[in-house]
Amino acid sequence: MKKSILSGLIMALMLSATACSAGSASNSQVAVSETMAYDASSQKYDMGTGVMAETDSPSGSSLSSEGTSQVILPENRKLIRTVSLHLETDDFDSVLEGITQEVSATEGYVESSDVSGSRLTSSGVPAMRSAYLTVRIPSDSLDSFLAWTEEREHINIVNRSENVSDVTLQYTDIESRKKSLEMEQERLWELLEQADSIESIIALEQRLSEVRYNLESLESRLRLYDNQVDYSTVTLSIDEVKSYTPATPPSAWRQIGTGFSRNLKRLGEGLSAFLITLISASPLWVPAVLVLCLIVWGMKKLNRKKGQKGDEQRLPKQKKIVKKTDQPSKLSEGAENSKESDSKE
């Protein structure tokens, strides 16, 4: 008799748990319908622009059009904000340090960091550095952090995107499921105290272990949502540049001046790279030039020696020729002298 009563209580508990889960599902559906009604009432369609325009509502969200865009978030809702920033800077080290200090000042933390180190390009010019940071900022301090990045010197915001995800329905559904499981757990404990058979105890303990596992899973999801809601995620892509990306098209004179200065800069970099390459390659070309100079000097010296030997060989021949030419002249002089003496007589 007691076994039948206990088994009947267990079956009733199972049915009540099923009813609770169905009730939580119906509650979530009601919440969805209420939220959809809220969204429909807080927005109206503009026939002229074809855009859904938000109406003034105490719990709605809107963007301010003057100055820095600041999101006005509805109250008592679970909202996850994610911001992505693409920044340019000409003072990489100080900006990176300033961002880290500002994150710490807002009681946030750096979740991940990837910074490229200093290196040289193939032409020997220092390469531009970059960094990719993922930081978690308290949701209450997110707007002040974004305003700081816009007002900070040596920072140019190239692109900014923001996403707001409403997880109120998921959070409420998980809480209702958690409450139903906690109620079931209490009933299971009561039945376990009254159980007097091994089969009932085993069945109740198996169900308790399942309930505990589901409760831990739901609590883990709630903690994850709480962390994402309390700490917004900001991804920063930082590039080191020498000149910022222009926000407006420059004038013709500005384009001419920019192009002239850019070409002068390239010319200076080219000359510098040429001198660096020339000096760095001196162990290769200096010995080659010395060897070439020695070869030319040796060839010139050899040619000089050959010329001197040729001159020495030509001189004896010239002397012989001169002697041969001198003998006929002496004979002619003697004949002339004899003729003169004969004439005198």
Protein backbone atom coordinates (compact mmCIF):
# COMPACT_ATOMS: atom_id res chain seq x y z
CA MET A 1 0.00 0.00 0.00
CA LYS A 2 2.78 2.44 0.93
CA LYS A 3 4.66 1.56 -2.26
CA SER A 4 1.62 2.33 -4.38
CA ILE A 5 1.10 5.63 -2.56
CA LEU A 6 4.79 6.57 -2.99
CA SER A 7 4.77 5.63 -6.67
CA GLY A 8 1.63 7.70 -7.10
CA LEU A 9 3.33 10.67 -5.49
CA ILE A 10 6.34 10.29 -7.80
CA MET A 11 4.07 10.18 -10.86
CA ALA A 12 2.22 13.24 -9.62
CA LEU A 13 5.53 15.02 -9.14
CA MET A 14 6.58 14.18 -12.67
CA LEU A 15 3.28 15.48 -14.03
CA SER A 16 3.61 18.68 -12.01
CA ALA A 17 7.14 19.21 -13.33
CA THR A 18 5.83 18.78 -16.87
CA ALA A 19 3.03 21.23 -16.14
CA CYS A 20 5.52 23.73 -14.71
CA SER A 21 7.72 23.51 -17.79
CA ALA A 22 4.65 23.99 -19.99
CA GLY A 23 3.63 26.93 -17.85
CA SER A 24 7.07 28.49 -18.18
CA ALA A 25 6.90 28.04 -21.95
CA SER A 26 3.46 29.69 -22.03
CA ASN A 27 4.81 32.50 -19.83
CA SER A 28 7.70 33.01 -22.24
CA GLN A 29 5.26 33.11 -25.16
CA VAL A 30 3.20 35.72 -23.33
CA ALA A 31 6.37 37.70 -22.65
CA VAL A 32 7.30 37.48 -26.33
CA SER A 33 3.89 38.74 -27.37
CA GLU A 34 4.09 41.57 -24.83
CA THR A 35 7.54 42.56 -26.09
CA MET A 36 6.37 42.47 -29.70
CA ALA A 37 3.43 44.65 -28.72
CA TYR A 38 5.85 47.00 -26.97
CA ASP A 39 8.10 47.18 -30.02
CA ALA A 40 5.13 47.78 -32.31
CA SER A 41 3.77 50.55 -30.09
CA SER A 42 7.15 52.25 -29.72
CA GLN A 43 7.78 52.46 -33.49
CA LYS A 44 5.88 53.91 -36.39
CA TYR A 45 6.47 53.66 -40.11
CA ASP A 46 7.40 56.79 -42.03
CA MET A 47 5.80 56.62 -45.48
CA GLY A 48 8.05 59.38 -46.82
CA THR A 49 11.37 57.79 -45.93
CA GLY A 50 10.37 54.17 -45.64
CA VAL A 51 12.08 53.84 -42.25
CA MET A 52 10.76 52.66 -38.92
CA ALA A 53 10.93 55.75 -36.70
CA GLU A 54 10.92 55.40 -32.93
CA THR A 55 8.35 57.31 -30.92
CA ASP A 56 8.90 58.86 -27.53
CA SER A 57 8.54 56.12 -24.96
CA PRO A 58 9.83 55.93 -21.39
CA SER A 59 11.24 52.43 -21.93
CA GLY A 60 12.25 52.73 -25.58
CA SER A 61 15.73 53.29 -27.05
CA SER A 62 16.91 56.12 -29.30
CA LEU A 63 20.09 57.74 -30.60
CA SER A 64 20.94 61.38 -29.98
CA SER A 65 21.61 63.25 -33.23
CA GLU A 66 23.74 66.05 -31.76
CA GLY A 67 27.43 65.48 -31.08
CA THR A 68 28.51 62.01 -30.11
CA SER A 69 25.91 59.33 -30.69
CA GLN A 70 24.84 58.03 -27.29
CA VAL A 71 22.46 55.15 -26.88
CA ILE A 72 19.53 55.73 -24.49
CA LEU A 73 18.75 52.26 -23.20
CA PRO A 74 15.41 51.10 -21.79
CA GLU A 75 15.25 50.38 -18.09
CA ASN A 76 14.86 46.98 -16.42
CA ARG A 77 15.93 45.07 -19.49
CA LYS A 78 18.87 42.76 -20.10
CA LEU A 79 20.86 44.36 -22.91
CA ILE A 80 24.23 43.24 -24.27
CA ARG A 81 26.21 46.01 -25.98
CA THR A 82 29.04 45.24 -28.37
CA VAL A 83 31.13 48.02 -29.92
CA SER A 84 33.77 47.76 -32.63
CA LEU A 85 36.27 50.58 -33.27
CA HIS A 86 38.85 50.99 -36.03
CA LEU A 87 41.42 53.60 -34.99
CA GLU A 88 44.41 55.31 -36.60
CA THR A 89 47.24 56.93 -34.68
CA ASP A 90 50.60 58.55 -35.33
CA ASP A 91 51.72 57.96 -31.72
CA PHE A 92 51.26 54.22 -31.34
CA ASP A 93 52.94 53.62 -27.98
CA SER A 94 51.28 56.43 -26.04
CA VAL A 95 47.82 55.67 -27.45
CA LEU A 96 48.10 51.98 -26.61
CA GLU A 97 49.22 52.81 -23.07
CA GLY A 98 46.46 55.41 -22.70
CA ILE A 99 43.77 52.92 -23.74
CA THR A 100 45.04 50.39 -21.20
CA GLN A 101 45.02 53.00 -18.44
CA GLU A 102 41.53 54.19 -19.35
CA VAL A 103 40.20 50.62 -19.30
CA SER A 104 41.64 50.17 -15.82
CA ALA A 105 40.19 53.52 -14.71
CA THR A 106 36.69 52.37 -15.70
CA GLU A 107 37.24 49.16 -13.65
CA GLY A 108 37.29 47.10 -16.83
CA TYR A 109 39.85 44.63 -18.06
CA VAL A 110 41.64 43.57 -21.25
CA GLU A 111 40.27 40.23 -22.37
CA SER A 112 42.73 39.66 -25.24
CA SER A 113 45.57 41.59 -26.85
CA ASP A 114 47.49 41.07 -30.09
CA VAL A 115 50.19 43.68 -30.84
CA SER A 116 52.59 43.45 -33.79
CA GLY A 117 56.19 44.30 -32.87
CA SER A 118 58.61 46.63 -34.59
CA ARG A 119 60.17 45.28 -37.76
CA LEU A 120 61.76 46.45 -40.99
CA THR A 121 60.47 46.00 -44.50
CA SER A 122 62.52 44.48 -47.32
CA SER A 123 63.74 47.98 -48.25
CA GLY A 124 64.95 48.64 -44.69
CA VAL A 125 62.14 51.05 -43.77
CA PRO A 126 60.42 50.56 -40.37
CA ALA A 127 57.05 48.89 -40.88
CA MET A 128 53.87 50.33 -39.41
CA ARG A 129 52.64 48.53 -36.28
CA SER A 130 49.13 47.39 -35.44
CA ALA A 131 47.20 46.11 -32.44
CA TYR A 132 43.95 44.23 -31.88
CA LEU A 133 42.40 44.50 -28.43
CA THR A 134 39.26 43.05 -26.89
CA VAL A 135 38.34 44.90 -23.70
CA ARG A 136 35.42 44.53 -21.28
CA ILE A 137 34.00 47.78 -19.97
CA PRO A 138 31.28 48.11 -17.30
CA SER A 139 28.05 48.97 -19.11
CA ASP A 140 27.63 52.11 -17.00
CA SER A 141 31.05 53.41 -18.11
CA LEU A 142 30.87 52.42 -21.78
CA ASP A 143 29.64 55.80 -23.05
CA SER A 144 32.35 57.67 -21.15
CA PHE A 145 35.01 55.34 -22.59
CA LEU A 146 33.74 55.90 -26.14
CA ALA A 147 33.70 59.67 -25.56
CA TRP A 148 37.31 59.45 -24.34
CA THR A 149 38.40 57.70 -27.54
CA GLU A 150 36.78 60.44 -29.63
CA GLU A 151 38.34 63.28 -27.62
CA ARG A 152 41.80 61.70 -27.22
CA GLU A 153 44.61 63.34 -29.16
CA HIS A 154 46.51 61.36 -31.81
CA ILE A 155 43.45 59.16 -32.47
CA ASN A 156 41.41 59.16 -35.66
CA ILE A 157 38.28 56.98 -35.64
CA VAL A 158 37.96 55.45 -39.10
CA ASN A 159 34.96 53.26 -38.36
CA ARG A 160 32.63 52.63 -35.41
CA SER A 161 29.87 50.05 -35.18
CA GLU A 162 27.65 49.13 -32.24
CA ASN A 163 25.23 46.28 -31.66
CA VAL A 164 22.66 46.02 -28.85
CA SER A 165 21.18 42.58 -28.16
CA ASP A 166 18.11 42.25 -25.91
CA VAL A 167 18.20 38.98 -23.94
CA THR A 168 15.42 39.84 -21.50
CA LEU A 169 13.13 37.09 -22.78
CA GLN A 170 15.83 34.42 -22.65
CA TYR A 171 16.85 35.54 -19.17
CA THR A 172 13.26 35.49 -17.89
CA ASP A 173 12.62 32.06 -19.39
CA ILE A 174 15.75 30.63 -17.77
CA GLU A 175 14.78 32.10 -14.39
CA SER A 176 11.30 30.55 -14.57
CA ARG A 177 12.75 27.16 -15.49
CA LYS A 178 15.21 27.47 -12.65
CA LYS A 179 12.44 28.21 -10.15
CA SER A 180 10.39 25.21 -11.33
CA LEU A 181 13.43 22.93 -11.01
CA GLU A 182 14.14 24.25 -7.51
CA MET A 183 10.54 23.50 -6.49
CA GLU A 184 10.85 20.02 -7.95
CA GLN A 185 14.11 19.51 -6.09
CA GLU A 186 12.48 20.38 -2.76
CA ARG A 187 9.64 17.93 -3.39
CA LEU A 188 12.10 15.22 -4.38
CA TRP A 189 13.96 15.74 -1.10
CA GLU A 190 10.73 15.41 0.84
CA LEU A 191 9.82 12.21 -1.00
CA LEU A 192 13.31 10.85 -0.49
CA GLU A 193 12.92 11.27 3.26
CA GLN A 194 9.65 9.31 3.15
CA ALA A 195 10.88 6.56 0.82
CA ASP A 196 11.14 3.09 2.39
CA SER A 197 12.13 0.94 -0.62
CA ILE A 198 15.36 0.72 -2.56
CA GLU A 199 13.64 1.09 -5.92
CA SER A 200 11.99 4.36 -4.86
CA ILE A 201 15.24 5.69 -3.42
CA ILE A 202 17.14 4.87 -6.63
CA ALA A 203 14.47 6.48 -8.81
CA LEU A 204 14.36 9.61 -6.66
CA GLU A 205 18.16 9.94 -6.58
CA GLN A 206 18.36 9.58 -10.36
CA ARG A 207 15.80 12.32 -10.79
CA LEU A 208 17.61 14.50 -8.24
CA SER A 209 20.87 14.17 -10.15
CA GLU A 210 19.12 15.21 -13.37
CA VAL A 211 17.54 18.19 -11.64
CA ARG A 212 20.89 19.26 -10.15
CA TYR A 213 22.58 19.02 -13.54
CA ASN A 214 19.86 21.12 -15.18
CA LEU A 215 20.02 23.67 -12.35
CA GLU A 216 23.80 24.04 -12.72
CA SER A 217 23.45 24.46 -16.47
CA LEU A 218 20.80 27.15 -16.07
CA GLU A 219 22.81 28.96 -13.39
CA SER A 220 25.84 28.91 -15.67
CA ARG A 221 23.82 30.47 -18.48
CA LEU A 222 22.45 33.12 -16.11
CA ARG A 223 25.98 33.99 -14.95
CA LEU A 224 27.09 34.27 -18.58
CA TYR A 225 24.21 36.62 -19.38
CA ASP A 226 24.94 38.67 -16.27
CA ASN A 227 28.58 39.03 -17.26
CA GLN A 228 27.71 40.06 -20.82
CA VAL A 229 25.11 42.54 -19.59
CA ASP A 230 27.26 44.05 -16.82
CA TYR A 231 30.42 44.24 -18.97
CA SER A 232 30.12 45.46 -22.55
CA THR A 233 32.57 44.15 -25.13
CA VAL A 234 34.68 46.62 -27.11
CA THR A 235 36.99 45.44 -29.91
CA LEU A 236 39.67 47.93 -30.96
CA SER A 237 41.68 47.64 -34.16
CA ILE A 238 44.57 50.15 -33.98
CA ASP A 239 46.80 50.95 -36.96
CA GLU A 240 49.93 53.08 -36.86
CA VAL A 241 49.99 55.60 -39.72
CA LYS A 242 52.07 58.55 -40.80
CA SER A 243 49.06 60.53 -42.02
CA TYR A 244 45.39 60.12 -41.14
CA THR A 245 42.74 59.00 -43.59
CA PRO A 246 40.98 62.19 -44.80
CA ALA A 247 37.34 62.49 -43.77
CA THR A 248 36.44 64.85 -46.65
CA PRO A 249 37.77 65.06 -50.25
CA PRO A 250 40.79 67.41 -50.28
CA SER A 251 40.99 70.43 -52.59
CA ALA A 252 43.12 70.53 -55.75
CA TRP A 253 45.89 72.60 -54.13
CA ARG A 254 45.91 70.32 -51.13
CA GLN A 255 46.20 67.28 -53.41
CA ILE A 256 49.12 68.93 -55.23
CA GLY A 257 50.88 69.78 -51.97
CA THR A 258 50.25 66.31 -50.57
CA GLY A 259 51.52 64.65 -53.73
CA PHE A 260 54.62 66.89 -53.85
CA SER A 261 55.50 66.20 -50.22
CA ARG A 262 54.81 62.49 -50.70
CA ASN A 263 57.12 62.31 -53.73
CA LEU A 264 59.85 64.24 -51.90
CA LYS A 265 59.51 61.84 -49.04
CA ARG A 266 59.74 58.86 -51.38
CA LEU A 267 62.82 60.40 -53.03
CA GLY A 268 64.50 60.83 -49.66
CA GLU A 269 63.58 57.30 -48.64
CA GLY A 270 64.90 55.98 -51.98
CA LEU A 271 68.24 57.80 -51.61
CA SER A 272 68.53 56.65 -48.03
CA ALA A 273 67.78 53.06 -49.03
CA PHE A 274 70.33 53.30 -51.88
CA LEU A 275 73.08 54.58 -49.58
CA ILE A 276 72.27 51.95 -46.99
CA THR A 277 72.37 49.21 -49.61
CA LEU A 278 75.58 50.58 -51.11
CA ILE A 279 77.37 50.76 -47.77
CA SER A 280 76.04 47.45 -46.52
CA ALA A 281 77.21 45.74 -49.74
CA SER A 282 80.69 47.27 -49.51
CA PRO A 283 82.30 43.95 -48.41
CA LEU A 284 81.29 42.61 -51.81
CA TRP A 285 82.03 45.42 -54.24
CA VAL A 286 85.09 47.04 -52.57
CA PRO A 287 87.34 43.96 -53.02
CA ALA A 288 86.06 43.57 -56.58
CA VAL A 289 86.95 47.21 -57.35
CA LEU A 290 90.41 46.78 -55.79
CA VAL A 291 91.09 43.66 -57.85
CA LEU A 292 89.93 45.45 -61.00
CA CYS A 293 92.21 48.42 -60.21
CA LEU A 294 95.15 46.07 -59.69
CA ILE A 295 94.46 44.37 -63.02
CA VAL A 296 94.31 47.72 -64.86
CA TRP A 297 97.47 48.95 -63.15
CA GLY A 298 99.31 45.74 -64.02
CA MET A 299 98.23 45.91 -67.66
CA LYS A 300 99.40 49.53 -67.90
CA LYS A 301 102.75 48.66 -66.35
CA LEU A 302 103.16 45.72 -68.70
CA ASN A 303 102.41 47.93 -71.70
CA ARG A 304 104.98 50.44 -70.51
CA LYS A 305 107.67 47.75 -70.29
CA LYS A 306 106.83 46.52 -73.75
CA GLY A 307 107.09 50.08 -75.04
CA GLN A 308 110.48 50.59 -73.44
CA LYS A 309 111.85 47.34 -74.97
CA GLY A 310 110.59 48.39 -78.38
CA ASP A 311 112.34 51.76 -78.06
CA GLU A 312 115.59 50.09 -77.06
CA GLN A 313 115.40 47.81 -80.10
CA ARG A 314 114.75 50.74 -82.44
CA LEU A 315 117.79 52.85 -81.26
CA PRO A 316 120.64 50.53 -82.53
CA LYS A 317 118.99 50.31 -85.93
CA GLN A 318 118.77 54.06 -86.15
CA LYS A 319 122.47 54.39 -85.18
CA LYS A 320 123.54 51.97 -87.95
CA ILE A 321 121.51 53.87 -90.45
CA VAL A 322 123.08 57.11 -89.32
CA LYS A 323 126.64 55.65 -89.69
CA LYS A 324 125.95 54.41 -93.20
CA THR A 325 124.63 57.77 -94.22
CA ASP A 326 127.71 59.53 -92.70
CA GLN A 327 130.33 57.59 -94.83
CA PRO A 328 129.14 58.82 -98.29
CA SER A 329 129.02 62.33 -96.98
CA LYS A 330 132.66 62.09 -95.86
CA LEU A 331 133.74 60.79 -99.32
CA SER A 332 131.95 63.61 -101.03
CA GLU A 333 133.61 66.11 -98.73
CA GLY A 334 137.07 64.66 -99.55
CA ALA A 335 136.35 64.86 -103.30
CA GLU A 336 135.25 68.42 -102.99
CA ASN A 337 138.41 69.27 -101.04
CA SER A 338 140.61 67.70 -103.71
CA LYS A 339 138.81 69.61 -106.44
CA GLU A 340 139.33 72.84 -104.58
CA SER A 341 143.06 72.17 -104.19
CA ASP A 342 143.40 71.43 -107.88
CA SER A 343 141.71 74.62 -108.80
CA LYS A 344 144.05 76.60 -106.63
CA GLU A 345 147.08 75.20 -108.34
